[in-house]
Amino acid sequence: MIPSGARVLDVGCGTGSVSRLIMDACHCTVFGIEPDADRAAAATSKGVDVVGAKLIEELIPQLGPFDVVLFADVLEHLVDRFGTLRWRKGFFAGEGL
């Protein structure tokens, strides 16, 4: 479901295992966000461009638009899942960034 050449944001990318699989299978660019420094370093070593921080609304203009935003094993841990998804829609291309 991820188009070839897409810009993908992997929120909570962990060690980058899923990100690397997506990069290889879909021939796309993956950016990760991971607050744990050790896990972010592991993802970076796999070739993932990682921001070592929690995802906050102020990051949207800095990271730019994405074709796909992935929340693998993340949403179920959030208190306000729907609120989180509402403001994160600004990550997508064509949303007036």
PDB file of N, CA and C in Angstrom:
ATOM      1  N   MET A   1       0.803  -1.196   0.000  1.00  0.00           N
ATOM      2  CA  MET A   1       0.000   0.000   0.000  1.00  0.00           C
ATOM      3  C   MET A   1       0.848   1.264   0.000  1.00  0.00           C
ATOM      4  N   ILE A   2       2.154   1.119   0.116  1.00  0.00           N
ATOM      5  CA  ILE A   2       3.048   2.278   0.072  1.00  0.00           C
ATOM      6  C   ILE A   2       3.593   2.392  -1.344  1.00  0.00           C
ATOM      7  N   PRO A   3       3.308   3.497  -2.022  1.00  0.00           N
ATOM      8  CA  PRO A   3       3.768   3.625  -3.403  1.00  0.00           C
ATOM      9  C   PRO A   3       5.287   3.767  -3.498  1.00  0.00           C
ATOM     10  N   SER A   4       5.826   3.270  -4.569  1.00  0.00           N
ATOM     11  CA  SER A   4       7.254   3.393  -4.824  1.00  0.00           C
ATOM     12  C   SER A   4       7.639   4.870  -4.862  1.00  0.00           C
ATOM     13  N   GLY A   5       8.746   5.200  -4.216  1.00  0.00           N
ATOM     14  CA  GLY A   5       9.237   6.568  -4.202  1.00  0.00           C
ATOM     15  C   GLY A   5       8.562   7.481  -3.199  1.00  0.00           C
ATOM     16  N   ALA A   6       7.685   6.937  -2.349  1.00  0.00           N
ATOM     17  CA  ALA A   6       6.953   7.748  -1.380  1.00  0.00           C
ATOM     18  C   ALA A   6       7.873   8.288  -0.284  1.00  0.00           C
ATOM     19  N   ARG A   7       7.446   9.393   0.316  1.00  0.00           N
ATOM     20  CA  ARG A   7       8.076   9.917   1.542  1.00  0.00           C
ATOM     21  C   ARG A   7       7.249   9.379   2.696  1.00  0.00           C
ATOM     22  N   VAL A   8       7.883   8.605   3.565  1.00  0.00           N
ATOM     23  CA  VAL A   8       7.187   7.924   4.649  1.00  0.00           C
ATOM     24  C   VAL A   8       7.724   8.413   5.990  1.00  0.00           C
ATOM     25  N   LEU A   9       6.818   8.686   6.919  1.00  0.00           N
ATOM     26  CA  LEU A   9       7.190   9.017   8.285  1.00  0.00           C
ATOM     27  C   LEU A   9       6.831   7.837   9.160  1.00  0.00           C
ATOM     28  N   ASP A  10       7.824   7.272   9.841  1.00  0.00           N
ATOM     29  CA  ASP A  10       7.613   6.147  10.749  1.00  0.00           C
ATOM     30  C   ASP A  10       7.682   6.682  12.173  1.00  0.00           C
ATOM     31  N   VAL A  11       6.513   6.912  12.771  1.00  0.00           N
ATOM     32  CA  VAL A  11       6.437   7.455  14.124  1.00  0.00           C
ATOM     33  C   VAL A  11       6.715   6.332  15.121  1.00  0.00           C
ATOM     34  N   GLY A  12       7.693   6.556  15.989  1.00  0.00           N
ATOM     35  CA  GLY A  12       8.096   5.513  16.933  1.00  0.00           C
ATOM     36  C   GLY A  12       8.805   4.391  16.207  1.00  0.00           C
ATOM     37  N   CYS A  13       9.787   4.753  15.385  1.00  0.00           N
ATOM     38  CA  CYS A  13      10.448   3.784  14.495  1.00  0.00           C
ATOM     39  C   CYS A  13      11.290   2.748  15.234  1.00  0.00           C
ATOM     40  N   GLY A  14      11.528   2.941  16.522  1.00  0.00           N
ATOM     41  CA  GLY A  14      12.304   1.958  17.280  1.00  0.00           C
ATOM     42  C   GLY A  14      13.687   1.781  16.698  1.00  0.00           C
ATOM     43  N   THR A  15      14.076   0.548  16.489  1.00  0.00           N
ATOM     44  CA  THR A  15      15.414   0.248  15.973  1.00  0.00           C
ATOM     45  C   THR A  15      15.500   0.341  14.454  1.00  0.00           C
ATOM     46  N   GLY A  16      14.390   0.673  13.811  1.00  0.00           N
ATOM     47  CA  GLY A  16      14.400   0.853  12.362  1.00  0.00           C
ATOM     48  C   GLY A  16      14.189  -0.402  11.543  1.00  0.00           C
ATOM     49  N   SER A  17      13.828  -1.500  12.179  1.00  0.00           N
ATOM     50  CA  SER A  17      13.638  -2.756  11.439  1.00  0.00           C
ATOM     51  C   SER A  17      12.519  -2.651  10.415  1.00  0.00           C
ATOM     52  N   VAL A  18      11.370  -2.113  10.823  1.00  0.00           N
ATOM     53  CA  VAL A  18      10.241  -1.967   9.894  1.00  0.00           C
ATOM     54  C   VAL A  18      10.571  -0.908   8.846  1.00  0.00           C
ATOM     55  N   SER A  19      11.199   0.169   9.280  1.00  0.00           N
ATOM     56  CA  SER A  19      11.588   1.232   8.345  1.00  0.00           C
ATOM     57  C   SER A  19      12.484   0.686   7.242  1.00  0.00           C
ATOM     58  N   ARG A  20      13.454  -0.114   7.615  1.00  0.00           N
ATOM     59  CA  ARG A  20      14.388  -0.684   6.636  1.00  0.00           C
ATOM     60  C   ARG A  20      13.653  -1.597   5.667  1.00  0.00           C
ATOM     61  N   LEU A  21      12.727  -2.402   6.168  1.00  0.00           N
ATOM     62  CA  LEU A  21      11.937  -3.275   5.291  1.00  0.00           C
ATOM     63  C   LEU A  21      11.145  -2.459   4.272  1.00  0.00           C
ATOM     64  N   ILE A  22      10.546  -1.372   4.740  1.00  0.00           N
ATOM     65  CA  ILE A  22       9.768  -0.504   3.848  1.00  0.00           C
ATOM     66  C   ILE A  22      10.684   0.132   2.806  1.00  0.00           C
ATOM     67  N   MET A  23      11.833   0.616   3.236  1.00  0.00           N
ATOM     68  CA  MET A  23      12.782   1.233   2.302  1.00  0.00           C
ATOM     69  C   MET A  23      13.176   0.254   1.205  1.00  0.00           C
ATOM     70  N   ASP A  24      13.458  -0.980   1.585  1.00  0.00           N
ATOM     71  CA  ASP A  24      13.905  -1.981   0.613  1.00  0.00           C
ATOM     72  C   ASP A  24      12.770  -2.460  -0.297  1.00  0.00           C
ATOM     73  N   ALA A  25      11.610  -2.712   0.277  1.00  0.00           N
ATOM     74  CA  ALA A  25      10.495  -3.270  -0.493  1.00  0.00           C
ATOM     75  C   ALA A  25       9.813  -2.234  -1.385  1.00  0.00           C
ATOM     76  N   CYS A  26       9.743  -0.990  -0.911  1.00  0.00           N
ATOM     77  CA  CYS A  26       8.966   0.028  -1.634  1.00  0.00           C
ATOM     78  C   CYS A  26       9.828   1.073  -2.324  1.00  0.00           C
ATOM     79  N   HIS A  27      11.134   0.946  -2.177  1.00  0.00           N
ATOM     80  CA  HIS A  27      12.043   1.907  -2.808  1.00  0.00           C
ATOM     81  C   HIS A  27      11.614   3.336  -2.504  1.00  0.00           C
ATOM     82  N   CYS A  28      11.472   3.614  -1.213  1.00  0.00           N
ATOM     83  CA  CYS A  28      11.016   4.936  -0.799  1.00  0.00           C
ATOM     84  C   CYS A  28      11.945   5.497   0.270  1.00  0.00           C
ATOM     85  N   THR A  29      11.701   6.742   0.622  1.00  0.00           N
ATOM     86  CA  THR A  29      12.469   7.414   1.653  1.00  0.00           C
ATOM     87  C   THR A  29      11.687   7.340   2.952  1.00  0.00           C
ATOM     88  N   VAL A  30      12.334   6.877   4.018  1.00  0.00           N
ATOM     89  CA  VAL A  30      11.677   6.771   5.313  1.00  0.00           C
ATOM     90  C   VAL A  30      12.398   7.661   6.318  1.00  0.00           C
ATOM     91  N   PHE A  31      11.618   8.482   7.007  1.00  0.00           N
ATOM     92  CA  PHE A  31      12.116   9.292   8.109  1.00  0.00           C
ATOM     93  C   PHE A  31      11.492   8.717   9.375  1.00  0.00           C
ATOM     94  N   GLY A  32      12.283   8.611  10.423  1.00  0.00           N
ATOM     95  CA  GLY A  32      11.775   8.067  11.672  1.00  0.00           C
ATOM     96  C   GLY A  32      11.774   9.097  12.776  1.00  0.00           C
ATOM     97  N   ILE A  33      10.870   8.915  13.713  1.00  0.00           N
ATOM     98  CA  ILE A  33      10.862   9.686  14.947  1.00  0.00           C
ATOM     99  C   ILE A  33      10.923   8.671  16.072  1.00  0.00           C
ATOM    100  N   GLU A  34      11.923   8.824  16.936  1.00  0.00           N
ATOM    101  CA  GLU A  34      12.110   7.876  18.030  1.00  0.00           C
ATOM    102  C   GLU A  34      12.717   8.600  19.234  1.00  0.00           C
ATOM    103  N   PRO A  35      11.996   8.648  20.365  1.00  0.00           N
ATOM    104  CA  PRO A  35      12.508   9.368  21.531  1.00  0.00           C
ATOM    105  C   PRO A  35      13.631   8.649  22.278  1.00  0.00           C
ATOM    106  N   ASP A  36      13.731   7.340  22.159  1.00  0.00           N
ATOM    107  CA  ASP A  36      14.772   6.590  22.866  1.00  0.00           C
ATOM    108  C   ASP A  36      16.083   6.686  22.082  1.00  0.00           C
ATOM    109  N   ALA A  37      17.110   7.249  22.697  1.00  0.00           N
ATOM    110  CA  ALA A  37      18.385   7.515  22.009  1.00  0.00           C
ATOM    111  C   ALA A  37      19.051   6.250  21.485  1.00  0.00           C
ATOM    112  N   ASP A  38      19.034   5.175  22.258  1.00  0.00           N
ATOM    113  CA  ASP A  38      19.675   3.929  21.810  1.00  0.00           C
ATOM    114  C   ASP A  38      18.944   3.328  20.611  1.00  0.00           C
ATOM    115  N   ARG A  39      17.645   3.355  20.667  1.00  0.00           N
ATOM    116  CA  ARG A  39      16.852   2.814  19.558  1.00  0.00           C
ATOM    117  C   ARG A  39      16.997   3.698  18.318  1.00  0.00           C
ATOM    118  N   ALA A  40      17.031   5.010  18.522  1.00  0.00           N
ATOM    119  CA  ALA A  40      17.225   5.939  17.399  1.00  0.00           C
ATOM    120  C   ALA A  40      18.577   5.696  16.740  1.00  0.00           C
ATOM    121  N   ALA A  41      19.610   5.453  17.546  1.00  0.00           N
ATOM    122  CA  ALA A  41      20.944   5.170  17.001  1.00  0.00           C
ATOM    123  C   ALA A  41      20.947   3.876  16.197  1.00  0.00           C
ATOM    124  N   ALA A  42      20.218   2.883  16.680  1.00  0.00           N
ATOM    125  CA  ALA A  42      20.135   1.611  15.946  1.00  0.00           C
ATOM    126  C   ALA A  42      19.432   1.821  14.601  1.00  0.00           C
ATOM    127  N   ALA A  43      18.377   2.629  14.589  1.00  0.00           N
ATOM    128  CA  ALA A  43      17.667   2.919  13.335  1.00  0.00           C
ATOM    129  C   ALA A  43      18.576   3.682  12.376  1.00  0.00           C
ATOM    130  N   THR A  44      19.320   4.630  12.898  1.00  0.00           N
ATOM    131  CA  THR A  44      20.254   5.398  12.066  1.00  0.00           C
ATOM    132  C   THR A  44      21.284   4.475  11.438  1.00  0.00           C
ATOM    133  N   SER A  45      21.753   3.490  12.199  1.00  0.00           N
ATOM    134  CA  SER A  45      22.747   2.556  11.660  1.00  0.00           C
ATOM    135  C   SER A  45      22.183   1.697  10.532  1.00  0.00           C
ATOM    136  N   LYS A  46      20.848   1.610  10.450  1.00  0.00           N
ATOM    137  CA  LYS A  46      20.193   0.870   9.360  1.00  0.00           C
ATOM    138  C   LYS A  46      19.893   1.777   8.164  1.00  0.00           C
ATOM    139  N   GLY A  47      20.318   3.047   8.238  1.00  0.00           N
ATOM    140  CA  GLY A  47      20.121   3.960   7.120  1.00  0.00           C
ATOM    141  C   GLY A  47      18.857   4.789   7.191  1.00  0.00           C
ATOM    142  N   VAL A  48      18.205   4.783   8.342  1.00  0.00           N
ATOM    143  CA  VAL A  48      16.983   5.573   8.520  1.00  0.00           C
ATOM    144  C   VAL A  48      17.378   6.958   9.024  1.00  0.00           C
ATOM    145  N   ASP A  49      16.815   7.982   8.424  1.00  0.00           N
ATOM    146  CA  ASP A  49      17.034   9.354   8.879  1.00  0.00           C
ATOM    147  C   ASP A  49      16.107   9.570  10.072  1.00  0.00           C
ATOM    148  N   VAL A  50      16.676   9.693  11.279  1.00  0.00           N
ATOM    149  CA  VAL A  50      15.888   9.694  12.508  1.00  0.00           C
ATOM    150  C   VAL A  50      15.990  11.017  13.256  1.00  0.00           C
ATOM    151  N   VAL A  51      14.830  11.494  13.712  1.00  0.00           N
ATOM    152  CA  VAL A  51      14.772  12.620  14.640  1.00  0.00           C
ATOM    153  C   VAL A  51      14.615  11.992  16.016  1.00  0.00           C
ATOM    154  N   GLY A  52      15.561  12.255  16.892  1.00  0.00           N
ATOM    155  CA  GLY A  52      15.522  11.700  18.242  1.00  0.00           C
ATOM    156  C   GLY A  52      14.681  12.554  19.166  1.00  0.00           C
ATOM    157  N   ALA A  53      13.366  12.420  19.052  1.00  0.00           N
ATOM    158  CA  ALA A  53      12.454  13.228  19.861  1.00  0.00           C
ATOM    159  C   ALA A  53      11.088  12.564  19.883  1.00  0.00           C
ATOM    160  N   LYS A  54      10.243  13.059  20.779  1.00  0.00           N
ATOM    161  CA  LYS A  54       8.839  12.669  20.741  1.00  0.00           C
ATOM    162  C   LYS A  54       8.167  13.501  19.661  1.00  0.00           C
ATOM    163  N   LEU A  55       7.126  12.950  19.078  1.00  0.00           N
ATOM    164  CA  LEU A  55       6.409  13.676  18.038  1.00  0.00           C
ATOM    165  C   LEU A  55       5.547  14.749  18.679  1.00  0.00           C
ATOM    166  N   ILE A  56       5.832  15.992  18.333  1.00  0.00           N
ATOM    167  CA  ILE A  56       5.052  17.129  18.804  1.00  0.00           C
ATOM    168  C   ILE A  56       4.631  17.953  17.595  1.00  0.00           C
ATOM    169  N   GLU A  57       3.599  18.714  17.752  1.00  0.00           N
ATOM    170  CA  GLU A  57       3.025  19.465  16.631  1.00  0.00           C
ATOM    171  C   GLU A  57       4.027  20.419  15.993  1.00  0.00           C
ATOM    172  N   GLU A  58       4.946  20.956  16.769  1.00  0.00           N
ATOM    173  CA  GLU A  58       5.926  21.907  16.244  1.00  0.00           C
ATOM    174  C   GLU A  58       6.893  21.274  15.237  1.00  0.00           C
ATOM    175  N   LEU A  59       6.986  19.959  15.203  1.00  0.00           N
ATOM    176  CA  LEU A  59       7.863  19.284  14.233  1.00  0.00           C
ATOM    177  C   LEU A  59       7.289  19.269  12.821  1.00  0.00           C
ATOM    178  N   ILE A  60       5.972  19.464  12.691  1.00  0.00           N
ATOM    179  CA  ILE A  60       5.328  19.347  11.383  1.00  0.00           C
ATOM    180  C   ILE A  60       5.993  20.226  10.328  1.00  0.00           C
ATOM    181  N   PRO A  61       6.161  21.545  10.572  1.00  0.00           N
ATOM    182  CA  PRO A  61       6.780  22.371   9.529  1.00  0.00           C
ATOM    183  C   PRO A  61       8.249  22.021   9.273  1.00  0.00           C
ATOM    184  N   GLN A  62       8.933  21.493  10.274  1.00  0.00           N
ATOM    185  CA  GLN A  62      10.346  21.157  10.120  1.00  0.00           C
ATOM    186  C   GLN A  62      10.550  19.909   9.267  1.00  0.00           C
ATOM    187  N   LEU A  63       9.666  18.949   9.386  1.00  0.00           N
ATOM    188  CA  LEU A  63       9.830  17.684   8.677  1.00  0.00           C
ATOM    189  C   LEU A  63       9.235  17.699   7.281  1.00  0.00           C
ATOM    190  N   GLY A  64       8.218  18.508   7.082  1.00  0.00           N
ATOM    191  CA  GLY A  64       7.626  18.615   5.756  1.00  0.00           C
ATOM    192  C   GLY A  64       6.560  17.582   5.492  1.00  0.00           C
ATOM    193  N   PRO A  65       5.939  17.630   4.329  1.00  0.00           N
ATOM    194  CA  PRO A  65       4.834  16.721   4.034  1.00  0.00           C
ATOM    195  C   PRO A  65       5.303  15.308   3.702  1.00  0.00           C
ATOM    196  N   PHE A  66       4.428  14.348   3.986  1.00  0.00           N
ATOM    197  CA  PHE A  66       4.695  12.939   3.711  1.00  0.00           C
ATOM    198  C   PHE A  66       3.531  12.341   2.942  1.00  0.00           C
ATOM    199  N   ASP A  67       3.830  11.299   2.184  1.00  0.00           N
ATOM    200  CA  ASP A  67       2.798  10.564   1.474  1.00  0.00           C
ATOM    201  C   ASP A  67       2.129   9.535   2.384  1.00  0.00           C
ATOM    202  N   VAL A  68       2.908   9.004   3.339  1.00  0.00           N
ATOM    203  CA  VAL A  68       2.427   7.970   4.257  1.00  0.00           C
ATOM    204  C   VAL A  68       2.967   8.283   5.645  1.00  0.00           C
ATOM    205  N   VAL A  69       2.095   8.172   6.648  1.00  0.00           N
ATOM    206  CA  VAL A  69       2.529   8.286   8.040  1.00  0.00           C
ATOM    207  C   VAL A  69       2.176   6.973   8.718  1.00  0.00           C
ATOM    208  N   LEU A  70       3.191   6.321   9.272  1.00  0.00           N
ATOM    209  CA  LEU A  70       3.045   4.997   9.869  1.00  0.00           C
ATOM    210  C   LEU A  70       3.104   5.108  11.389  1.00  0.00           C
ATOM    211  N   PHE A  71       2.094   4.548  12.057  1.00  0.00           N
ATOM    212  CA  PHE A  71       2.041   4.489  13.519  1.00  0.00           C
ATOM    213  C   PHE A  71       2.015   3.014  13.930  1.00  0.00           C
ATOM    214  N   ALA A  72       3.037   2.251  13.624  1.00  0.00           N
ATOM    215  CA  ALA A  72       3.071   0.828  13.961  1.00  0.00           C
ATOM    216  C   ALA A  72       3.354   0.671  15.454  1.00  0.00           C
ATOM    217  N   ASP A  73       2.456   0.030  16.159  1.00  0.00           N
ATOM    218  CA  ASP A  73       2.601  -0.210  17.603  1.00  0.00           C
ATOM    219  C   ASP A  73       2.751   1.080  18.402  1.00  0.00           C
ATOM    220  N   VAL A  74       2.068   2.145  17.984  1.00  0.00           N
ATOM    221  CA  VAL A  74       2.163   3.427  18.685  1.00  0.00           C
ATOM    222  C   VAL A  74       0.792   3.895  19.171  1.00  0.00           C
ATOM    223  N   LEU A  75      -0.209   3.919  18.299  1.00  0.00           N
ATOM    224  CA  LEU A  75      -1.504   4.505  18.642  1.00  0.00           C
ATOM    225  C   LEU A  75      -2.136   3.886  19.883  1.00  0.00           C
ATOM    226  N   GLU A  76      -1.977   2.602  20.054  1.00  0.00           N
ATOM    227  CA  GLU A  76      -2.625   1.947  21.189  1.00  0.00           C
ATOM    228  C   GLU A  76      -2.045   2.388  22.538  1.00  0.00           C
ATOM    229  N   HIS A  77      -0.908   3.066  22.508  1.00  0.00           N
ATOM    230  CA  HIS A  77      -0.279   3.537  23.745  1.00  0.00           C
ATOM    231  C   HIS A  77      -0.615   4.992  24.070  1.00  0.00           C
ATOM    232  N   LEU A  78      -1.327   5.665  23.189  1.00  0.00           N
ATOM    233  CA  LEU A  78      -1.641   7.074  23.384  1.00  0.00           C
ATOM    234  C   LEU A  78      -2.953   7.254  24.137  1.00  0.00           C
ATOM    235  N   VAL A  79      -3.002   8.276  24.972  1.00  0.00           N
ATOM    236  CA  VAL A  79      -4.209   8.582  25.728  1.00  0.00           C
ATOM    237  C   VAL A  79      -5.280   9.159  24.807  1.00  0.00           C
ATOM    238  N   ASP A  80      -4.915  10.121  23.950  1.00  0.00           N
ATOM    239  CA  ASP A  80      -5.862  10.784  23.058  1.00  0.00           C
ATOM    240  C   ASP A  80      -5.521  10.429  21.609  1.00  0.00           C
ATOM    241  N   ARG A  81      -5.877   9.227  21.207  1.00  0.00           N
ATOM    242  CA  ARG A  81      -5.541   8.746  19.863  1.00  0.00           C
ATOM    243  C   ARG A  81      -6.147   9.616  18.769  1.00  0.00           C
ATOM    244  N   PHE A  82      -7.432   9.945  18.910  1.00  0.00           N
ATOM    245  CA  PHE A  82      -8.114  10.705  17.865  1.00  0.00           C
ATOM    246  C   PHE A  82      -7.600  12.138  17.788  1.00  0.00           C
ATOM    247  N   GLY A  83      -7.348  12.749  18.921  1.00  0.00           N
ATOM    248  CA  GLY A  83      -6.777  14.093  18.924  1.00  0.00           C
ATOM    249  C   GLY A  83      -5.405  14.100  18.279  1.00  0.00           C
ATOM    250  N   THR A  84      -4.624  13.077  18.568  1.00  0.00           N
ATOM    251  CA  THR A  84      -3.293  12.944  17.976  1.00  0.00           C
ATOM    252  C   THR A  84      -3.390  12.835  16.465  1.00  0.00           C
ATOM    253  N   LEU A  85      -4.301  12.044  15.973  1.00  0.00           N
ATOM    254  CA  LEU A  85      -4.446  11.878  14.526  1.00  0.00           C
ATOM    255  C   LEU A  85      -4.977  13.138  13.852  1.00  0.00           C
ATOM    256  N   ARG A  86      -5.820  13.894  14.538  1.00  0.00           N
ATOM    257  CA  ARG A  86      -6.375  15.113  13.934  1.00  0.00           C
ATOM    258  C   ARG A  86      -5.281  16.121  13.602  1.00  0.00           C
ATOM    259  N   TRP A  87      -4.388  16.435  14.533  1.00  0.00           N
ATOM    260  CA  TRP A  87      -3.372  17.442  14.206  1.00  0.00           C
ATOM    261  C   TRP A  87      -2.254  16.867  13.361  1.00  0.00           C
ATOM    262  N   ARG A  88      -2.066  15.577  13.364  1.00  0.00           N
ATOM    263  CA  ARG A  88      -1.001  15.000  12.554  1.00  0.00           C
ATOM    264  C   ARG A  88      -1.360  14.902  11.081  1.00  0.00           C
ATOM    265  N   LYS A  89      -2.608  15.126  10.731  1.00  0.00           N
ATOM    266  CA  LYS A  89      -2.958  15.098   9.309  1.00  0.00           C
ATOM    267  C   LYS A  89      -2.213  16.186   8.545  1.00  0.00           C
ATOM    268  N   GLY A  90      -1.680  17.177   9.234  1.00  0.00           N
ATOM    269  CA  GLY A  90      -0.875  18.216   8.604  1.00  0.00           C
ATOM    270  C   GLY A  90       0.446  17.709   8.051  1.00  0.00           C
ATOM    271  N   PHE A  91       0.819  16.477   8.369  1.00  0.00           N
ATOM    272  CA  PHE A  91       2.039  15.892   7.816  1.00  0.00           C
ATOM    273  C   PHE A  91       1.884  15.518   6.347  1.00  0.00           C
ATOM    274  N   PHE A  92       0.661  15.367   5.896  1.00  0.00           N
ATOM    275  CA  PHE A  92       0.450  14.859   4.552  1.00  0.00           C
ATOM    276  C   PHE A  92       0.591  15.934   3.488  1.00  0.00           C
ATOM    277  N   ALA A  93       1.129  15.534   2.355  1.00  0.00           N
ATOM    278  CA  ALA A  93       1.282  16.440   1.212  1.00  0.00           C
ATOM    279  C   ALA A  93      -0.090  16.993   0.835  1.00  0.00           C
ATOM    280  N   GLY A  94      -0.108  18.275   0.480  1.00  0.00           N
ATOM    281  CA  GLY A  94      -1.350  18.890   0.064  1.00  0.00           C
ATOM    282  C   GLY A  94      -2.206  19.413   1.190  1.00  0.00           C
ATOM    283  N   GLU A  95      -1.697  19.398   2.406  1.00  0.00           N
ATOM    284  CA  GLU A  95      -2.474  19.869   3.555  1.00  0.00           C
ATOM    285  C   GLU A  95      -2.112  21.278   3.949  1.00  0.00           C
ATOM    286  N   GLY A  96      -1.468  22.050   3.072  1.00  0.00           N
ATOM    287  CA  GLY A  96      -1.199  23.459   3.353  1.00  0.00           C
ATOM    288  C   GLY A  96       0.001  23.713   4.233  1.00  0.00           C
ATOM    289  N   LEU A  97       0.998  22.828   4.155  1.00  0.00           N
ATOM    290  CA  LEU A  97       2.203  23.080   4.930  1.00  0.00           C
ATOM    291  C   LEU A  97       2.940  24.214   4.275  1.00  0.00           C
TER     292      LEU A  97
END
